[in-house]
Structure formats: C-alpha cells, structure tokens
C-alpha cells in the first residue's frame, strides 16, 4: 500500500508534512527576527560609542553634573 495509506493519529501524511513545513518556516522567520533585532542593537551600541568618543566634547569627556 505504500506511505499513502499511513496516518499519524487523525492526520494524514500530507497534513503531517504540512505541519512540519509550517514549524520549519516559523522557526526560520523567528531566527530572522532575532537577527534583525540583534543588528539594530549593535548599530545602537556603535552609535553610542561614536557619541562618547566625540572629540568636540570639552576635554573629550561628557560634561559632569553640577551640584548646587
């Protein structure tokens, strides 16, 4: 009869294959979202470092708070 007659619980083989495909697709999409967020965070860190090392700041340092 081959694999066409097999069922997994109440799902047929095509349903099972579709479910696995959906899980794989969702996993890849999630990894892409994580990579996008990571790249955004790294860009923010790079920008902050650039501001902190700005030679236009007085003495090359951020101004200090003044206590009155």
Protein backbone atom coordinates (compact mmCIF):
# COMPACT_ATOMS: atom_id res chain seq x y z
CA UNK A 1 0.00 0.00 0.00
CA UNK A 2 3.00 2.37 0.49
CA UNK A 3 3.13 5.52 2.59
CA UNK A 4 -0.08 6.92 1.12
CA UNK A 5 -2.23 4.80 3.40
CA UNK A 6 -0.48 5.73 6.64
CA UNK A 7 -1.99 8.16 9.09
CA UNK A 8 -0.45 9.78 12.14
CA UNK A 9 -3.22 9.95 14.70
CA UNK A 10 -6.03 11.76 12.91
CA UNK A 11 -3.69 13.50 10.47
CA UNK A 12 -2.82 12.09 7.10
CA UNK A 13 0.74 12.17 5.82
CA UNK A 14 0.10 15.36 3.83
CA UNK A 15 -1.24 17.08 6.96
CA UNK A 16 1.80 15.92 8.93
CA UNK A 17 4.20 17.15 6.24
CA UNK A 18 2.38 20.48 6.12
CA UNK A 19 2.62 20.85 9.89
CA UNK A 20 6.36 20.13 9.86
CA UNK A 21 6.83 22.61 6.99
CA UNK A 22 4.95 25.24 8.97
CA UNK A 23 7.13 24.67 12.03
CA UNK A 24 10.30 24.98 9.97
CA UNK A 25 9.04 28.15 8.28
CA UNK A 26 8.07 29.69 11.63
CA UNK A 27 11.47 28.79 13.07
CA UNK A 28 13.32 30.41 10.17
CA UNK A 29 11.14 33.53 10.42
CA UNK A 30 11.82 33.75 14.16
CA UNK A 31 15.57 33.47 13.60
CA UNK A 32 15.37 36.25 11.01
CA UNK A 33 13.51 38.48 13.50
CA UNK A 34 16.15 37.81 16.16
CA UNK A 35 18.95 38.61 13.70
CA UNK A 36 17.24 41.87 12.73
CA UNK A 37 16.85 42.91 16.37
CA UNK A 38 20.48 41.99 17.10
CA UNK A 39 21.73 44.09 14.20
CA UNK A 40 19.63 47.04 15.41
CA UNK A 41 21.09 46.71 18.90
CA UNK A 42 24.64 46.54 17.56
CA UNK A 43 24.00 49.65 15.46
CA UNK A 44 22.77 51.49 18.57
CA UNK A 45 25.88 50.46 20.50
CA UNK A 46 28.07 51.64 17.63
CA UNK A 47 26.27 54.99 17.53
CA UNK A 48 26.56 55.44 21.32
CA UNK A 49 30.29 54.68 21.22
CA UNK A 50 30.69 57.23 18.46
CA UNK A 51 28.99 59.88 20.58
CA UNK A 52 31.05 59.04 23.65
CA UNK A 53 34.32 59.39 21.72
CA UNK A 54 33.33 62.64 20.05
CA UNK A 55 36.42 64.91 20.09
CA UNK A 56 34.17 68.00 20.10
CA UNK A 57 33.22 67.36 23.74
CA UNK A 58 35.13 69.53 26.25
CA UNK A 59 38.34 67.67 27.06
CA UNK A 60 36.94 64.71 25.11
CA UNK A 61 34.65 63.83 28.04
CA UNK A 62 30.94 64.19 28.76
CA UNK A 63 30.09 67.21 30.93
CA UNK A 64 29.74 66.37 34.61
CA UNK A 65 26.65 67.09 36.69
CA UNK A 66 26.81 70.23 38.82
CA UNK A 67 25.71 70.06 42.46
CA UNK A 68 24.42 73.39 43.81
